[in-house]
Amino acid sequence: MTTKTVHQVDYRDLECFIQQHYGRTISLISHLEAKNGSSHTVEATATYTDYSQPYEGIPRPVLEGLDPRVAELVHGWIQGQPEEPDLDELLHDLVCKGAIPAGEYLISISW
């Protein structure tokens, strides 16, 4: 039997958590292009696909840990740069920091 754990979270709670963790605000409604009464699924992983090597017909390796590109983007955003990481990138960072468990996140939008 295969099972799957899904973490259900309200978008406002996740926005507050992100603000507390990073000291920056984001709008999940904008990130997800969400409508009232909708739900959105985002995968939060502790791995990333390595795109640093040229593609030569073999599958790219999946590596453990934080994607260096995401680390750089999140660091710049924390320092005040205007480019916001995508939600999946923020969740990837949070998983790798041990702030949240890896898995699928079902984000409920209701206002």
N, C-alpha and C. Protein backbone atom coordinates (compact mmCIF):
# COMPACT_ATOMS: atom_id res chain seq x y z
N MET A 1 0.84 -1.17 0.00
CA MET A 1 0.00 0.00 0.00
C MET A 1 0.89 1.24 0.00
N THR A 2 0.54 2.19 -0.83
CA THR A 2 1.27 3.45 -0.88
C THR A 2 0.45 4.52 -0.18
N THR A 3 1.10 5.29 0.68
CA THR A 3 0.41 6.39 1.36
C THR A 3 1.16 7.68 1.09
N LYS A 4 0.47 8.78 1.33
CA LYS A 4 1.06 10.09 1.09
C LYS A 4 0.59 11.05 2.18
N THR A 5 1.51 11.78 2.73
CA THR A 5 1.17 12.79 3.72
C THR A 5 1.03 14.14 3.04
N VAL A 6 -0.06 14.82 3.30
CA VAL A 6 -0.30 16.15 2.75
C VAL A 6 -0.47 17.10 3.93
N HIS A 7 0.24 18.21 3.88
CA HIS A 7 0.16 19.23 4.92
C HIS A 7 -0.80 20.31 4.44
N GLN A 8 -1.93 20.45 5.12
CA GLN A 8 -2.89 21.48 4.72
C GLN A 8 -2.63 22.72 5.56
N VAL A 9 -2.56 23.87 4.88
CA VAL A 9 -2.25 25.12 5.57
C VAL A 9 -3.08 26.25 4.96
N ASP A 10 -3.51 27.17 5.81
CA ASP A 10 -4.21 28.36 5.35
C ASP A 10 -3.18 29.35 4.80
N TYR A 11 -3.51 30.02 3.72
CA TYR A 11 -2.54 30.91 3.09
C TYR A 11 -2.07 32.01 4.02
N ARG A 12 -2.97 32.52 4.88
CA ARG A 12 -2.56 33.60 5.80
C ARG A 12 -1.55 33.10 6.82
N ASP A 13 -1.77 31.88 7.31
CA ASP A 13 -0.82 31.30 8.26
C ASP A 13 0.55 31.11 7.62
N LEU A 14 0.57 30.65 6.37
CA LEU A 14 1.83 30.46 5.67
C LEU A 14 2.51 31.80 5.40
N GLU A 15 1.74 32.82 5.02
CA GLU A 15 2.32 34.16 4.82
C GLU A 15 2.96 34.65 6.11
N CYS A 16 2.28 34.48 7.24
CA CYS A 16 2.83 34.91 8.53
C CYS A 16 4.09 34.14 8.89
N PHE A 17 4.08 32.83 8.64
CA PHE A 17 5.26 32.01 8.93
C PHE A 17 6.46 32.49 8.10
N ILE A 18 6.22 32.73 6.82
CA ILE A 18 7.30 33.20 5.94
C ILE A 18 7.81 34.56 6.41
N GLN A 19 6.91 35.46 6.79
CA GLN A 19 7.32 36.78 7.27
C GLN A 19 8.15 36.66 8.56
N GLN A 20 7.72 35.80 9.47
CA GLN A 20 8.46 35.61 10.72
C GLN A 20 9.84 35.01 10.45
N HIS A 21 9.91 34.08 9.52
CA HIS A 21 11.18 33.39 9.24
C HIS A 21 12.17 34.27 8.48
N TYR A 22 11.68 35.02 7.49
CA TYR A 22 12.57 35.78 6.61
C TYR A 22 12.58 37.29 6.87
N GLY A 23 11.58 37.79 7.58
CA GLY A 23 11.50 39.23 7.79
C GLY A 23 11.03 40.00 6.56
N ARG A 24 10.43 39.29 5.61
CA ARG A 24 9.89 39.90 4.38
C ARG A 24 8.46 39.42 4.19
N THR A 25 7.64 40.26 3.59
CA THR A 25 6.26 39.86 3.33
C THR A 25 6.12 39.41 1.88
N ILE A 26 5.18 38.49 1.68
CA ILE A 26 4.82 38.07 0.33
C ILE A 26 3.30 37.93 0.27
N SER A 27 2.78 37.95 -0.92
CA SER A 27 1.36 37.72 -1.14
C SER A 27 1.21 36.36 -1.84
N LEU A 28 0.72 35.39 -1.10
CA LEU A 28 0.52 34.08 -1.71
C LEU A 28 -0.60 34.11 -2.74
N ILE A 29 -1.56 35.00 -2.57
CA ILE A 29 -2.62 35.14 -3.56
C ILE A 29 -2.01 35.53 -4.90
N SER A 30 -1.06 36.45 -4.89
CA SER A 30 -0.38 36.84 -6.12
C SER A 30 0.52 35.72 -6.64
N HIS A 31 1.29 35.11 -5.76
CA HIS A 31 2.20 34.04 -6.17
C HIS A 31 1.45 32.89 -6.83
N LEU A 32 0.31 32.56 -6.27
CA LEU A 32 -0.45 31.41 -6.76
C LEU A 32 -1.52 31.81 -7.77
N GLU A 33 -1.65 33.12 -8.01
CA GLU A 33 -2.73 33.63 -8.87
C GLU A 33 -4.05 33.01 -8.44
N ALA A 34 -4.29 33.11 -7.13
CA ALA A 34 -5.39 32.40 -6.50
C ALA A 34 -6.69 33.20 -6.49
N LYS A 35 -7.76 32.45 -6.46
CA LYS A 35 -9.11 33.01 -6.33
C LYS A 35 -9.68 32.56 -4.99
N ASN A 36 -10.63 33.32 -4.48
CA ASN A 36 -11.29 32.97 -3.24
C ASN A 36 -11.92 31.58 -3.36
N GLY A 37 -11.72 30.77 -2.32
CA GLY A 37 -12.30 29.44 -2.30
C GLY A 37 -11.48 28.39 -3.03
N SER A 38 -10.27 28.72 -3.42
CA SER A 38 -9.44 27.76 -4.16
C SER A 38 -8.42 27.10 -3.24
N SER A 39 -7.83 26.04 -3.74
CA SER A 39 -6.73 25.34 -3.07
C SER A 39 -5.62 25.13 -4.08
N HIS A 40 -4.40 25.19 -3.61
CA HIS A 40 -3.24 25.02 -4.49
C HIS A 40 -2.25 24.08 -3.82
N THR A 41 -1.66 23.22 -4.61
CA THR A 41 -0.70 22.25 -4.11
C THR A 41 0.71 22.66 -4.53
N VAL A 42 1.62 22.64 -3.56
CA VAL A 42 3.03 22.94 -3.82
C VAL A 42 3.86 21.85 -3.14
N GLU A 43 4.83 21.34 -3.87
CA GLU A 43 5.72 20.30 -3.34
C GLU A 43 6.94 20.97 -2.69
N ALA A 44 7.23 20.56 -1.46
CA ALA A 44 8.39 21.07 -0.74
C ALA A 44 9.39 19.93 -0.58
N THR A 45 10.56 20.08 -1.16
CA THR A 45 11.54 19.00 -1.18
C THR A 45 12.87 19.40 -0.55
N ALA A 46 13.62 18.38 -0.20
CA ALA A 46 14.99 18.58 0.30
C ALA A 46 16.00 18.17 -0.77
N THR A 47 15.55 18.08 -2.01
CA THR A 47 16.42 17.71 -3.12
C THR A 47 16.22 18.68 -4.28
N TYR A 48 17.14 18.64 -5.22
CA TYR A 48 17.02 19.46 -6.42
C TYR A 48 17.70 18.76 -7.58
N THR A 49 17.27 19.11 -8.77
CA THR A 49 17.87 18.56 -9.98
C THR A 49 19.07 19.43 -10.36
N ASP A 50 20.20 18.81 -10.59
CA ASP A 50 21.44 19.52 -10.91
C ASP A 50 21.48 19.85 -12.41
N TYR A 51 21.32 21.13 -12.73
CA TYR A 51 21.37 21.59 -14.11
C TYR A 51 22.72 22.22 -14.45
N SER A 52 23.71 22.06 -13.57
CA SER A 52 25.00 22.73 -13.78
C SER A 52 25.84 22.10 -14.89
N GLN A 53 25.58 20.84 -15.22
CA GLN A 53 26.34 20.16 -16.25
C GLN A 53 25.56 20.16 -17.56
N PRO A 54 26.26 20.18 -18.70
CA PRO A 54 25.55 20.11 -19.98
C PRO A 54 24.77 18.81 -20.11
N TYR A 55 23.65 18.90 -20.76
CA TYR A 55 22.81 17.71 -20.97
C TYR A 55 23.42 16.85 -22.06
N GLU A 56 23.66 15.59 -21.77
CA GLU A 56 24.29 14.68 -22.74
C GLU A 56 23.47 13.41 -22.91
N GLY A 57 22.14 13.54 -22.83
CA GLY A 57 21.27 12.40 -23.06
C GLY A 57 21.05 11.48 -21.88
N ILE A 58 21.67 11.78 -20.75
CA ILE A 58 21.43 10.97 -19.56
C ILE A 58 20.65 11.83 -18.55
N PRO A 59 19.85 11.20 -17.71
CA PRO A 59 19.09 11.99 -16.75
C PRO A 59 20.00 12.81 -15.85
N ARG A 60 19.55 14.01 -15.58
CA ARG A 60 20.32 14.88 -14.68
C ARG A 60 20.23 14.34 -13.25
N PRO A 61 21.30 14.45 -12.49
CA PRO A 61 21.26 13.91 -11.12
C PRO A 61 20.37 14.74 -10.20
N VAL A 62 19.74 14.05 -9.26
CA VAL A 62 18.97 14.70 -8.21
C VAL A 62 19.85 14.67 -6.97
N LEU A 63 20.12 15.85 -6.42
CA LEU A 63 21.04 15.99 -5.29
C LEU A 63 20.29 16.35 -4.02
N GLU A 64 20.82 15.93 -2.90
CA GLU A 64 20.27 16.29 -1.59
C GLU A 64 20.71 17.70 -1.23
N GLY A 65 19.87 18.40 -0.47
CA GLY A 65 20.23 19.71 0.05
C GLY A 65 19.62 20.84 -0.74
N LEU A 66 20.05 22.03 -0.40
CA LEU A 66 19.51 23.26 -0.98
C LEU A 66 20.17 23.57 -2.32
N ASP A 67 19.35 23.83 -3.30
CA ASP A 67 19.83 24.23 -4.62
C ASP A 67 20.61 25.53 -4.47
N PRO A 68 21.87 25.59 -4.91
CA PRO A 68 22.67 26.81 -4.76
C PRO A 68 22.03 28.03 -5.42
N ARG A 69 21.33 27.82 -6.52
CA ARG A 69 20.65 28.94 -7.18
C ARG A 69 19.55 29.49 -6.28
N VAL A 70 18.80 28.61 -5.62
CA VAL A 70 17.74 29.04 -4.70
C VAL A 70 18.35 29.73 -3.49
N ALA A 71 19.44 29.21 -2.98
CA ALA A 71 20.11 29.82 -1.83
C ALA A 71 20.51 31.26 -2.15
N GLU A 72 21.06 31.47 -3.33
CA GLU A 72 21.48 32.81 -3.74
C GLU A 72 20.27 33.74 -3.89
N LEU A 73 19.20 33.25 -4.51
CA LEU A 73 18.00 34.05 -4.71
C LEU A 73 17.36 34.43 -3.38
N VAL A 74 17.23 33.47 -2.46
CA VAL A 74 16.62 33.74 -1.15
C VAL A 74 17.49 34.70 -0.36
N HIS A 75 18.80 34.52 -0.38
CA HIS A 75 19.70 35.42 0.34
C HIS A 75 19.57 36.86 -0.19
N GLY A 76 19.54 37.02 -1.49
CA GLY A 76 19.39 38.36 -2.07
C GLY A 76 18.07 38.98 -1.68
N TRP A 77 17.00 38.20 -1.67
CA TRP A 77 15.67 38.70 -1.30
C TRP A 77 15.66 39.14 0.17
N ILE A 78 16.28 38.35 1.04
CA ILE A 78 16.36 38.72 2.46
C ILE A 78 17.12 40.03 2.62
N GLN A 79 18.14 40.23 1.78
CA GLN A 79 18.95 41.44 1.85
C GLN A 79 18.26 42.65 1.22
N GLY A 80 17.06 42.46 0.66
CA GLY A 80 16.30 43.59 0.13
C GLY A 80 16.20 43.67 -1.38
N GLN A 81 16.77 42.72 -2.09
CA GLN A 81 16.63 42.74 -3.55
C GLN A 81 15.17 42.50 -3.90
N PRO A 82 14.68 43.15 -4.95
CA PRO A 82 13.24 43.07 -5.26
C PRO A 82 12.77 41.74 -5.81
N GLU A 83 13.63 40.93 -6.43
CA GLU A 83 13.19 39.67 -7.02
C GLU A 83 12.80 38.68 -5.92
N GLU A 84 11.52 38.30 -5.90
CA GLU A 84 11.03 37.35 -4.91
C GLU A 84 11.22 35.92 -5.39
N PRO A 85 11.64 35.04 -4.49
CA PRO A 85 11.66 33.62 -4.85
C PRO A 85 10.22 33.14 -5.06
N ASP A 86 10.05 32.10 -5.86
CA ASP A 86 8.75 31.47 -6.00
C ASP A 86 8.43 30.73 -4.70
N LEU A 87 7.17 30.41 -4.51
CA LEU A 87 6.77 29.73 -3.29
C LEU A 87 7.46 28.37 -3.15
N ASP A 88 7.57 27.62 -4.23
CA ASP A 88 8.24 26.32 -4.12
C ASP A 88 9.71 26.48 -3.73
N GLU A 89 10.33 27.57 -4.16
CA GLU A 89 11.73 27.83 -3.78
C GLU A 89 11.83 28.18 -2.29
N LEU A 90 10.89 28.98 -1.79
CA LEU A 90 10.88 29.29 -0.36
C LEU A 90 10.65 28.04 0.48
N LEU A 91 9.71 27.19 0.05
CA LEU A 91 9.45 25.96 0.78
C LEU A 91 10.65 25.03 0.73
N HIS A 92 11.34 24.98 -0.42
CA HIS A 92 12.57 24.17 -0.54
C HIS A 92 13.61 24.66 0.47
N ASP A 93 13.78 25.96 0.57
CA ASP A 93 14.72 26.55 1.53
C ASP A 93 14.32 26.20 2.96
N LEU A 94 13.02 26.33 3.27
CA LEU A 94 12.55 26.05 4.62
C LEU A 94 12.72 24.58 4.99
N VAL A 95 12.49 23.67 4.04
CA VAL A 95 12.70 22.24 4.30
C VAL A 95 14.18 21.99 4.58
N CYS A 96 15.04 22.54 3.76
CA CYS A 96 16.48 22.31 3.92
C CYS A 96 17.01 22.90 5.22
N LYS A 97 16.37 23.94 5.73
CA LYS A 97 16.76 24.54 7.02
C LYS A 97 16.14 23.81 8.20
N GLY A 98 15.25 22.84 7.93
CA GLY A 98 14.60 22.10 9.00
C GLY A 98 13.44 22.83 9.64
N ALA A 99 12.95 23.91 9.00
CA ALA A 99 11.86 24.70 9.56
C ALA A 99 10.49 24.06 9.31
N ILE A 100 10.36 23.27 8.24
CA ILE A 100 9.12 22.57 7.91
C ILE A 100 9.48 21.18 7.39
N PRO A 101 8.55 20.23 7.48
CA PRO A 101 8.83 18.91 6.90
C PRO A 101 8.65 18.92 5.39
N ALA A 102 9.37 18.05 4.72
CA ALA A 102 9.20 17.90 3.28
C ALA A 102 7.84 17.27 3.01
N GLY A 103 7.31 17.52 1.83
CA GLY A 103 6.05 16.90 1.44
C GLY A 103 5.22 17.82 0.58
N GLU A 104 4.00 17.40 0.39
CA GLU A 104 3.06 18.16 -0.42
C GLU A 104 2.28 19.09 0.51
N TYR A 105 2.17 20.35 0.10
CA TYR A 105 1.44 21.35 0.88
C TYR A 105 0.20 21.77 0.10
N LEU A 106 -0.96 21.60 0.73
CA LEU A 106 -2.22 22.03 0.17
C LEU A 106 -2.56 23.36 0.84
N ILE A 107 -2.52 24.42 0.05
CA ILE A 107 -2.71 25.77 0.56
C ILE A 107 -4.14 26.21 0.25
N SER A 108 -4.90 26.47 1.32
CA SER A 108 -6.30 26.86 1.19
C SER A 108 -6.40 28.37 1.12
N ILE A 109 -7.12 28.85 0.12
CA ILE A 109 -7.32 30.29 -0.08
C ILE A 109 -8.78 30.61 0.21
N SER A 110 -9.01 31.46 1.19
CA SER A 110 -10.36 31.89 1.51
C SER A 110 -10.29 33.22 2.24
N TRP A 111 -10.99 34.20 1.72
CA TRP A 111 -11.01 35.49 2.40
C TRP A 111 -12.41 36.00 2.51
